[in-house]
Amino acid sequence: MVLAKCLRDIPDAEHAFATYEQLRRTRTVKMYDAGRRGDSGKHVTGSLQQWFRDLTTPLFLKLFANPKASDWMYSYRVEWEKNVSASR
């Protein structure tokens, strides 16, 4: 949606893509980092380790998962009506 807005509002394609990158970079890096952190510790080599991980994960999610901690990720909305201006 953000790319579509940039292409809609900025006539020069080069500036539209540069603006898109500038608008998305911070969030994209934050999403990438969250994914890397979330993936760490989930790789196991032995079947006993896998069994224990699979057994305990639902319990830990119920006890420690905080929906507000990931709200920034899932509540993101693109304001289609708001115009984009080219970044320089």
PDB file of N, CA and C in Angstrom:
ATOM      1  N   MET A   1       0.820  -1.189   0.000  1.00  0.00           N
ATOM      2  CA  MET A   1       0.000   0.000   0.000  1.00  0.00           C
ATOM      3  C   MET A   1       0.864   1.252   0.000  1.00  0.00           C
ATOM      4  N   VAL A   2       1.940   1.216   0.768  1.00  0.00           N
ATOM      5  CA  VAL A   2       2.809   2.392   0.836  1.00  0.00           C
ATOM      6  C   VAL A   2       3.459   2.635  -0.520  1.00  0.00           C
ATOM      7  N   LEU A   3       3.911   1.579  -1.164  1.00  0.00           N
ATOM      8  CA  LEU A   3       4.498   1.724  -2.501  1.00  0.00           C
ATOM      9  C   LEU A   3       3.461   2.248  -3.481  1.00  0.00           C
ATOM     10  N   ALA A   4       2.259   1.732  -3.421  1.00  0.00           N
ATOM     11  CA  ALA A   4       1.192   2.206  -4.312  1.00  0.00           C
ATOM     12  C   ALA A   4       0.921   3.695  -4.083  1.00  0.00           C
ATOM     13  N   LYS A   5       0.920   4.123  -2.825  1.00  0.00           N
ATOM     14  CA  LYS A   5       0.714   5.545  -2.534  1.00  0.00           C
ATOM     15  C   LYS A   5       1.837   6.399  -3.113  1.00  0.00           C
ATOM     16  N   CYS A   6       3.065   5.919  -2.962  1.00  0.00           N
ATOM     17  CA  CYS A   6       4.212   6.671  -3.482  1.00  0.00           C
ATOM     18  C   CYS A   6       4.124   6.801  -5.005  1.00  0.00           C
ATOM     19  N   LEU A   7       3.796   5.705  -5.671  1.00  0.00           N
ATOM     20  CA  LEU A   7       3.679   5.739  -7.133  1.00  0.00           C
ATOM     21  C   LEU A   7       2.483   6.579  -7.573  1.00  0.00           C
ATOM     22  N   ARG A   8       1.438   6.599  -6.766  1.00  0.00           N
ATOM     23  CA  ARG A   8       0.258   7.409  -7.067  1.00  0.00           C
ATOM     24  C   ARG A   8       0.551   8.899  -6.937  1.00  0.00           C
ATOM     25  N   ASP A   9       1.301   9.282  -5.896  1.00  0.00           N
ATOM     26  CA  ASP A   9       1.451  10.694  -5.551  1.00  0.00           C
ATOM     27  C   ASP A   9       2.720  11.348  -6.075  1.00  0.00           C
ATOM     28  N   ILE A  10       3.696  10.564  -6.464  1.00  0.00           N
ATOM     29  CA  ILE A  10       4.976  11.131  -6.906  1.00  0.00           C
ATOM     30  C   ILE A  10       5.190  10.742  -8.368  1.00  0.00           C
ATOM     31  N   PRO A  11       5.152  11.722  -9.266  1.00  0.00           N
ATOM     32  CA  PRO A  11       5.214  11.418 -10.700  1.00  0.00           C
ATOM     33  C   PRO A  11       6.528  10.766 -11.144  1.00  0.00           C
ATOM     34  N   ASP A  12       7.630  11.144 -10.541  1.00  0.00           N
ATOM     35  CA  ASP A  12       8.933  10.603 -10.932  1.00  0.00           C
ATOM     36  C   ASP A  12       9.159   9.276 -10.203  1.00  0.00           C
ATOM     37  N   ALA A  13       9.307   8.188 -10.959  1.00  0.00           N
ATOM     38  CA  ALA A  13       9.433   6.854 -10.381  1.00  0.00           C
ATOM     39  C   ALA A  13      10.646   6.747  -9.459  1.00  0.00           C
ATOM     40  N   GLU A  14      11.769   7.345  -9.840  1.00  0.00           N
ATOM     41  CA  GLU A  14      12.971   7.266  -9.000  1.00  0.00           C
ATOM     42  C   GLU A  14      12.718   7.881  -7.629  1.00  0.00           C
ATOM     43  N   HIS A  15      12.073   9.049  -7.611  1.00  0.00           N
ATOM     44  CA  HIS A  15      11.755   9.701  -6.340  1.00  0.00           C
ATOM     45  C   HIS A  15      10.685   8.910  -5.573  1.00  0.00           C
ATOM     46  N   ALA A  16       9.761   8.305  -6.296  1.00  0.00           N
ATOM     47  CA  ALA A  16       8.721   7.502  -5.638  1.00  0.00           C
ATOM     48  C   ALA A  16       9.346   6.316  -4.904  1.00  0.00           C
ATOM     49  N   PHE A  17      10.280   5.620  -5.551  1.00  0.00           N
ATOM     50  CA  PHE A  17      10.923   4.479  -4.910  1.00  0.00           C
ATOM     51  C   PHE A  17      11.829   4.914  -3.753  1.00  0.00           C
ATOM     52  N   ALA A  18      12.519   6.038  -3.922  1.00  0.00           N
ATOM     53  CA  ALA A  18      13.371   6.548  -2.837  1.00  0.00           C
ATOM     54  C   ALA A  18      12.516   6.936  -1.624  1.00  0.00           C
ATOM     55  N   THR A  19      11.383   7.554  -1.880  1.00  0.00           N
ATOM     56  CA  THR A  19      10.480   7.935  -0.798  1.00  0.00           C
ATOM     57  C   THR A  19       9.919   6.694  -0.111  1.00  0.00           C
ATOM     58  N   TYR A  20       9.551   5.708  -0.898  1.00  0.00           N
ATOM     59  CA  TYR A  20       9.056   4.444  -0.344  1.00  0.00           C
ATOM     60  C   TYR A  20      10.092   3.830   0.587  1.00  0.00           C
ATOM     61  N   GLU A  21      11.334   3.766   0.137  1.00  0.00           N
ATOM     62  CA  GLU A  21      12.387   3.186   0.983  1.00  0.00           C
ATOM     63  C   GLU A  21      12.542   3.981   2.269  1.00  0.00           C
ATOM     64  N   GLN A  22      12.546   5.282   2.156  1.00  0.00           N
ATOM     65  CA  GLN A  22      12.710   6.146   3.331  1.00  0.00           C
ATOM     66  C   GLN A  22      11.547   5.954   4.313  1.00  0.00           C
ATOM     67  N   LEU A  23      10.334   5.813   3.790  1.00  0.00           N
ATOM     68  CA  LEU A  23       9.162   5.644   4.651  1.00  0.00           C
ATOM     69  C   LEU A  23       9.123   4.271   5.328  1.00  0.00           C
ATOM     70  N   ARG A  24       9.638   3.251   4.670  1.00  0.00           N
ATOM     71  CA  ARG A  24       9.517   1.890   5.160  1.00  0.00           C
ATOM     72  C   ARG A  24      10.723   1.352   5.928  1.00  0.00           C
ATOM     73  N   ARG A  25      11.890   1.968   5.749  1.00  0.00           N
ATOM     74  CA  ARG A  25      13.121   1.391   6.287  1.00  0.00           C
ATOM     75  C   ARG A  25      13.058   1.158   7.801  1.00  0.00           C
ATOM     76  N   THR A  26      12.670   2.132   8.585  1.00  0.00           N
ATOM     77  CA  THR A  26      12.679   1.998  10.045  1.00  0.00           C
ATOM     78  C   THR A  26      11.790   0.842  10.491  1.00  0.00           C
ATOM     79  N   ARG A  27      10.581   0.781   9.955  1.00  0.00           N
ATOM     80  CA  ARG A  27       9.662  -0.296  10.344  1.00  0.00           C
ATOM     81  C   ARG A  27      10.176  -1.650   9.869  1.00  0.00           C
ATOM     82  N   THR A  28      10.719  -1.697   8.667  1.00  0.00           N
ATOM     83  CA  THR A  28      11.229  -2.950   8.121  1.00  0.00           C
ATOM     84  C   THR A  28      12.379  -3.490   8.966  1.00  0.00           C
ATOM     85  N   VAL A  29      13.296  -2.625   9.366  1.00  0.00           N
ATOM     86  CA  VAL A  29      14.416  -3.048  10.218  1.00  0.00           C
ATOM     87  C   VAL A  29      13.891  -3.542  11.559  1.00  0.00           C
ATOM     88  N   LYS A  30      12.916  -2.837  12.112  1.00  0.00           N
ATOM     89  CA  LYS A  30      12.341  -3.241  13.394  1.00  0.00           C
ATOM     90  C   LYS A  30      11.657  -4.612  13.272  1.00  0.00           C
ATOM     91  N   MET A  31      10.931  -4.842  12.181  1.00  0.00           N
ATOM     92  CA  MET A  31      10.274  -6.132  11.953  1.00  0.00           C
ATOM     93  C   MET A  31      11.309  -7.246  11.798  1.00  0.00           C
ATOM     94  N   TYR A  32      12.364  -6.972  11.055  1.00  0.00           N
ATOM     95  CA  TYR A  32      13.428  -7.962  10.849  1.00  0.00           C
ATOM     96  C   TYR A  32      14.072  -8.337  12.188  1.00  0.00           C
ATOM     97  N   ASP A  33      14.393  -7.322  12.977  1.00  0.00           N
ATOM     98  CA  ASP A  33      15.013  -7.575  14.282  1.00  0.00           C
ATOM     99  C   ASP A  33      14.090  -8.372  15.197  1.00  0.00           C
ATOM    100  N   ALA A  34      12.807  -8.061  15.184  1.00  0.00           N
ATOM    101  CA  ALA A  34      11.847  -8.802  16.008  1.00  0.00           C
ATOM    102  C   ALA A  34      11.784 -10.262  15.564  1.00  0.00           C
ATOM    103  N   GLY A  35      11.830 -10.497  14.284  1.00  0.00           N
ATOM    104  CA  GLY A  35      11.818 -11.864  13.774  1.00  0.00           C
ATOM    105  C   GLY A  35      13.062 -12.634  14.173  1.00  0.00           C
ATOM    106  N   ARG A  36      14.200 -11.982  14.092  1.00  0.00           N
ATOM    107  CA  ARG A  36      15.450 -12.649  14.480  1.00  0.00           C
ATOM    108  C   ARG A  36      15.445 -12.992  15.966  1.00  0.00           C
ATOM    109  N   ARG A  37      14.988 -12.051  16.803  1.00  0.00           N
ATOM    110  CA  ARG A  37      14.922 -12.314  18.240  1.00  0.00           C
ATOM    111  C   ARG A  37      13.932 -13.438  18.531  1.00  0.00           C
ATOM    112  N   GLY A  38      12.802 -13.422  17.854  1.00  0.00           N
ATOM    113  CA  GLY A  38      11.782 -14.429  18.090  1.00  0.00           C
ATOM    114  C   GLY A  38      12.211 -15.818  17.643  1.00  0.00           C
ATOM    115  N   ASP A  39      13.122 -15.866  16.691  1.00  0.00           N
ATOM    116  CA  ASP A  39      13.572 -17.149  16.167  1.00  0.00           C
ATOM    117  C   ASP A  39      14.713 -17.744  16.990  1.00  0.00           C
ATOM    118  N   SER A  40      15.400 -16.910  17.739  1.00  0.00           N
ATOM    119  CA  SER A  40      16.543 -17.415  18.502  1.00  0.00           C
ATOM    120  C   SER A  40      16.059 -18.358  19.605  1.00  0.00           C
ATOM    121  N   GLY A  41      16.773 -19.412  19.797  1.00  0.00           N
ATOM    122  CA  GLY A  41      16.435 -20.368  20.840  1.00  0.00           C
ATOM    123  C   GLY A  41      15.413 -21.413  20.439  1.00  0.00           C
ATOM    124  N   LYS A  42      14.930 -21.362  19.223  1.00  0.00           N
ATOM    125  CA  LYS A  42      13.925 -22.327  18.796  1.00  0.00           C
ATOM    126  C   LYS A  42      14.522 -23.487  18.019  1.00  0.00           C
ATOM    127  N   HIS A  43      15.790 -23.401  17.709  1.00  0.00           N
ATOM    128  CA  HIS A  43      16.431 -24.460  16.948  1.00  0.00           C
ATOM    129  C   HIS A  43      17.012 -25.488  17.912  1.00  0.00           C
ATOM    130  N   VAL A  44      16.549 -26.689  17.800  1.00  0.00           N
ATOM    131  CA  VAL A  44      17.030 -27.772  18.659  1.00  0.00           C
ATOM    132  C   VAL A  44      17.571 -28.895  17.775  1.00  0.00           C
ATOM    133  N   THR A  45      18.475 -29.661  18.346  1.00  0.00           N
ATOM    134  CA  THR A  45      19.099 -30.723  17.558  1.00  0.00           C
ATOM    135  C   THR A  45      18.601 -32.105  17.924  1.00  0.00           C
ATOM    136  N   GLY A  46      18.245 -32.306  19.152  1.00  0.00           N
ATOM    137  CA  GLY A  46      17.834 -33.640  19.585  1.00  0.00           C
ATOM    138  C   GLY A  46      16.330 -33.779  19.700  1.00  0.00           C
ATOM    139  N   SER A  47      15.859 -35.003  19.596  1.00  0.00           N
ATOM    140  CA  SER A  47      14.417 -35.242  19.681  1.00  0.00           C
ATOM    141  C   SER A  47      13.881 -34.950  21.081  1.00  0.00           C
ATOM    142  N   LEU A  48      14.681 -35.193  22.110  1.00  0.00           N
ATOM    143  CA  LEU A  48      14.250 -34.878  23.470  1.00  0.00           C
ATOM    144  C   LEU A  48      14.118 -33.360  23.645  1.00  0.00           C
ATOM    145  N   GLN A  49      15.065 -32.618  23.111  1.00  0.00           N
ATOM    146  CA  GLN A  49      14.985 -31.152  23.179  1.00  0.00           C
ATOM    147  C   GLN A  49      13.754 -30.656  22.432  1.00  0.00           C
ATOM    148  N   GLN A  50      13.471 -31.218  21.285  1.00  0.00           N
ATOM    149  CA  GLN A  50      12.308 -30.814  20.498  1.00  0.00           C
ATOM    150  C   GLN A  50      11.021 -31.138  21.259  1.00  0.00           C
ATOM    151  N   TRP A  51      10.948 -32.310  21.843  1.00  0.00           N
ATOM    152  CA  TRP A  51       9.775 -32.701  22.612  1.00  0.00           C
ATOM    153  C   TRP A  51       9.539 -31.733  23.769  1.00  0.00           C
ATOM    154  N   PHE A  52      10.603 -31.401  24.505  1.00  0.00           N
ATOM    155  CA  PHE A  52      10.488 -30.496  25.645  1.00  0.00           C
ATOM    156  C   PHE A  52      10.078 -29.100  25.195  1.00  0.00           C
ATOM    157  N   ARG A  53      10.691 -28.607  24.114  1.00  0.00           N
ATOM    158  CA  ARG A  53      10.336 -27.287  23.579  1.00  0.00           C
ATOM    159  C   ARG A  53       8.866 -27.253  23.181  1.00  0.00           C
ATOM    160  N   ASP A  54       8.422 -28.262  22.450  1.00  0.00           N
ATOM    161  CA  ASP A  54       7.039 -28.300  21.992  1.00  0.00           C
ATOM    162  C   ASP A  54       6.052 -28.444  23.147  1.00  0.00           C
ATOM    163  N   LEU A  55       6.463 -29.111  24.196  1.00  0.00           N
ATOM    164  CA  LEU A  55       5.616 -29.277  25.372  1.00  0.00           C
ATOM    165  C   LEU A  55       5.491 -27.977  26.163  1.00  0.00           C
ATOM    166  N   THR A  56       6.577 -27.249  26.309  1.00  0.00           N
ATOM    167  CA  THR A  56       6.585 -26.061  27.169  1.00  0.00           C
ATOM    168  C   THR A  56       6.196 -24.763  26.461  1.00  0.00           C
ATOM    169  N   THR A  57       6.309 -24.692  25.154  1.00  0.00           N
ATOM    170  CA  THR A  57       6.014 -23.447  24.448  1.00  0.00           C
ATOM    171  C   THR A  57       4.599 -22.934  24.713  1.00  0.00           C
ATOM    172  N   PRO A  58       3.554 -23.751  24.593  1.00  0.00           N
ATOM    173  CA  PRO A  58       2.208 -23.222  24.872  1.00  0.00           C
ATOM    174  C   PRO A  58       2.060 -22.681  26.295  1.00  0.00           C
ATOM    175  N   LEU A  59       2.686 -23.342  27.250  1.00  0.00           N
ATOM    176  CA  LEU A  59       2.625 -22.879  28.631  1.00  0.00           C
ATOM    177  C   LEU A  59       3.274 -21.500  28.778  1.00  0.00           C
ATOM    178  N   PHE A  60       4.477 -21.345  28.222  1.00  0.00           N
ATOM    179  CA  PHE A  60       5.170 -20.058  28.310  1.00  0.00           C
ATOM    180  C   PHE A  60       4.405 -18.955  27.581  1.00  0.00           C
ATOM    181  N   LEU A  61       3.790 -19.292  26.462  1.00  0.00           N
ATOM    182  CA  LEU A  61       3.003 -18.285  25.745  1.00  0.00           C
ATOM    183  C   LEU A  61       1.819 -17.817  26.574  1.00  0.00           C
ATOM    184  N   LYS A  62       1.139 -18.749  27.241  1.00  0.00           N
ATOM    185  CA  LYS A  62       0.000 -18.369  28.081  1.00  0.00           C
ATOM    186  C   LYS A  62       0.439 -17.510  29.264  1.00  0.00           C
ATOM    187  N   LEU A  63       1.587 -17.835  29.832  1.00  0.00           N
ATOM    188  CA  LEU A  63       2.041 -17.121  31.022  1.00  0.00           C
ATOM    189  C   LEU A  63       2.700 -15.782  30.720  1.00  0.00           C
ATOM    190  N   PHE A  64       3.452 -15.710  29.636  1.00  0.00           N
ATOM    191  CA  PHE A  64       4.308 -14.548  29.433  1.00  0.00           C
ATOM    192  C   PHE A  64       4.025 -13.723  28.179  1.00  0.00           C
ATOM    193  N   ALA A  65       3.189 -14.202  27.285  1.00  0.00           N
ATOM    194  CA  ALA A  65       2.917 -13.437  26.064  1.00  0.00           C
ATOM    195  C   ALA A  65       2.150 -12.168  26.420  1.00  0.00           C
ATOM    196  N   ASN A  66       2.590 -11.077  25.878  1.00  0.00           N
ATOM    197  CA  ASN A  66       1.963  -9.786  26.146  1.00  0.00           C
ATOM    198  C   ASN A  66       1.461  -9.213  24.818  1.00  0.00           C
ATOM    199  N   PRO A  67       0.152  -9.216  24.581  1.00  0.00           N
ATOM    200  CA  PRO A  67      -0.375  -8.708  23.312  1.00  0.00           C
ATOM    201  C   PRO A  67       0.015  -7.258  23.035  1.00  0.00           C
ATOM    202  N   LYS A  68       0.159  -6.455  24.072  1.00  0.00           N
ATOM    203  CA  LYS A  68       0.530  -5.050  23.867  1.00  0.00           C
ATOM    204  C   LYS A  68       1.952  -4.914  23.341  1.00  0.00           C
ATOM    205  N   ALA A  69       2.802  -5.885  23.636  1.00  0.00           N
ATOM    206  CA  ALA A  69       4.187  -5.823  23.176  1.00  0.00           C
ATOM    207  C   ALA A  69       4.281  -5.937  21.664  1.00  0.00           C
ATOM    208  N   SER A  70       3.331  -6.622  21.046  1.00  0.00           N
ATOM    209  CA  SER A  70       3.375  -6.773  19.592  1.00  0.00           C
ATOM    210  C   SER A  70       2.284  -5.964  18.891  1.00  0.00           C
ATOM    211  N   ASP A  71       1.621  -5.103  19.630  1.00  0.00           N
ATOM    212  CA  ASP A  71       0.555  -4.285  19.048  1.00  0.00           C
ATOM    213  C   ASP A  71       1.072  -3.411  17.915  1.00  0.00           C
ATOM    214  N   TRP A  72       2.296  -2.890  18.046  1.00  0.00           N
ATOM    215  CA  TRP A  72       2.862  -2.044  16.993  1.00  0.00           C
ATOM    216  C   TRP A  72       2.943  -2.814  15.672  1.00  0.00           C
ATOM    217  N   MET A  73       3.091  -4.124  15.759  1.00  0.00           N
ATOM    218  CA  MET A  73       3.248  -4.949  14.576  1.00  0.00           C
ATOM    219  C   MET A  73       1.902  -5.196  13.886  1.00  0.00           C
ATOM    220  N   TYR A  74       0.889  -5.491  14.671  1.00  0.00           N
ATOM    221  CA  TYR A  74      -0.385  -5.930  14.122  1.00  0.00           C
ATOM    222  C   TYR A  74      -1.423  -4.833  13.956  1.00  0.00           C
ATOM    223  N   SER A  75      -1.215  -3.696  14.568  1.00  0.00           N
ATOM    224  CA  SER A  75      -2.201  -2.622  14.444  1.00  0.00           C
ATOM    225  C   SER A  75      -1.797  -1.570  13.412  1.00  0.00           C
ATOM    226  N   TYR A  76      -0.747  -1.830  12.667  1.00  0.00           N
ATOM    227  CA  TYR A  76      -0.264  -0.885  11.653  1.00  0.00           C
ATOM    228  C   TYR A  76      -1.300  -0.716  10.549  1.00  0.00           C
ATOM    229  N   ARG A  77      -1.606   0.513  10.210  1.00  0.00           N
ATOM    230  CA  ARG A  77      -2.557   0.809   9.144  1.00  0.00           C
ATOM    231  C   ARG A  77      -1.974   1.882   8.239  1.00  0.00           C
ATOM    232  N   VAL A  78      -2.208   1.739   6.951  1.00  0.00           N
ATOM    233  CA  VAL A  78      -1.771   2.728   5.968  1.00  0.00           C
ATOM    234  C   VAL A  78      -2.947   3.653   5.697  1.00  0.00           C
ATOM    235  N   GLU A  79      -2.704   4.947   5.803  1.00  0.00           N
ATOM    236  CA  GLU A  79      -3.751   5.938   5.548  1.00  0.00           C
ATOM    237  C   GLU A  79      -3.764   6.247   4.052  1.00  0.00           C
ATOM    238  N   TRP A  80      -4.642   5.566   3.326  1.00  0.00           N
ATOM    239  CA  TRP A  80      -4.677   5.679   1.872  1.00  0.00           C
ATOM    240  C   TRP A  80      -5.014   7.100   1.416  1.00  0.00           C
ATOM    241  N   GLU A  81      -5.875   7.780   2.113  1.00  0.00           N
ATOM    242  CA  GLU A  81      -6.320   9.112   1.695  1.00  0.00           C
ATOM    243  C   GLU A  81      -5.234  10.175   1.861  1.00  0.00           C
ATOM    244  N   LYS A  82      -4.286   9.939   2.761  1.00  0.00           N
ATOM    245  CA  LYS A  82      -3.234  10.909   3.023  1.00  0.00           C
ATOM    246  C   LYS A  82      -2.178  10.835   1.907  1.00  0.00           C
ATOM    247  N   ASN A  83      -1.871  11.977   1.300  1.00  0.00           N
ATOM    248  CA  ASN A  83      -0.906  12.022   0.209  1.00  0.00           C
ATOM    249  C   ASN A  83       0.529  11.928   0.713  1.00  0.00           C
ATOM    250  N   VAL A  84       1.378  11.437  -0.164  1.00  0.00           N
ATOM    251  CA  VAL A  84       2.817  11.293   0.132  1.00  0.00           C
ATOM    252  C   VAL A  84       3.547  12.356  -0.675  1.00  0.00           C
ATOM    253  N   SER A  85       4.567  12.972  -0.081  1.00  0.00           N
ATOM    254  CA  SER A  85       5.399  13.908  -0.833  1.00  0.00           C
ATOM    255  C   SER A  85       6.797  13.339  -0.956  1.00  0.00           C
ATOM    256  N   ALA A  86       7.460  13.686  -2.044  1.00  0.00           N
ATOM    257  CA  ALA A  86       8.788  13.124  -2.344  1.00  0.00           C
ATOM    258  C   ALA A  86       9.807  13.528  -1.306  1.00  0.00           C
ATOM    259  N   SER A  87      10.654  12.578  -0.937  1.00  0.00           N
ATOM    260  CA  SER A  87      11.774  12.902  -0.031  1.00  0.00           C
ATOM    261  C   SER A  87      12.968  13.268  -0.883  1.00  0.00           C
ATOM    262  N   ARG A  88      13.785  14.069  -0.378  1.00  0.00           N
ATOM    263  CA  ARG A  88      14.991  14.521  -1.113  1.00  0.00           C
ATOM    264  C   ARG A  88      16.220  14.084  -0.406  1.00  0.00           C
TER     265      ARG A  88
END
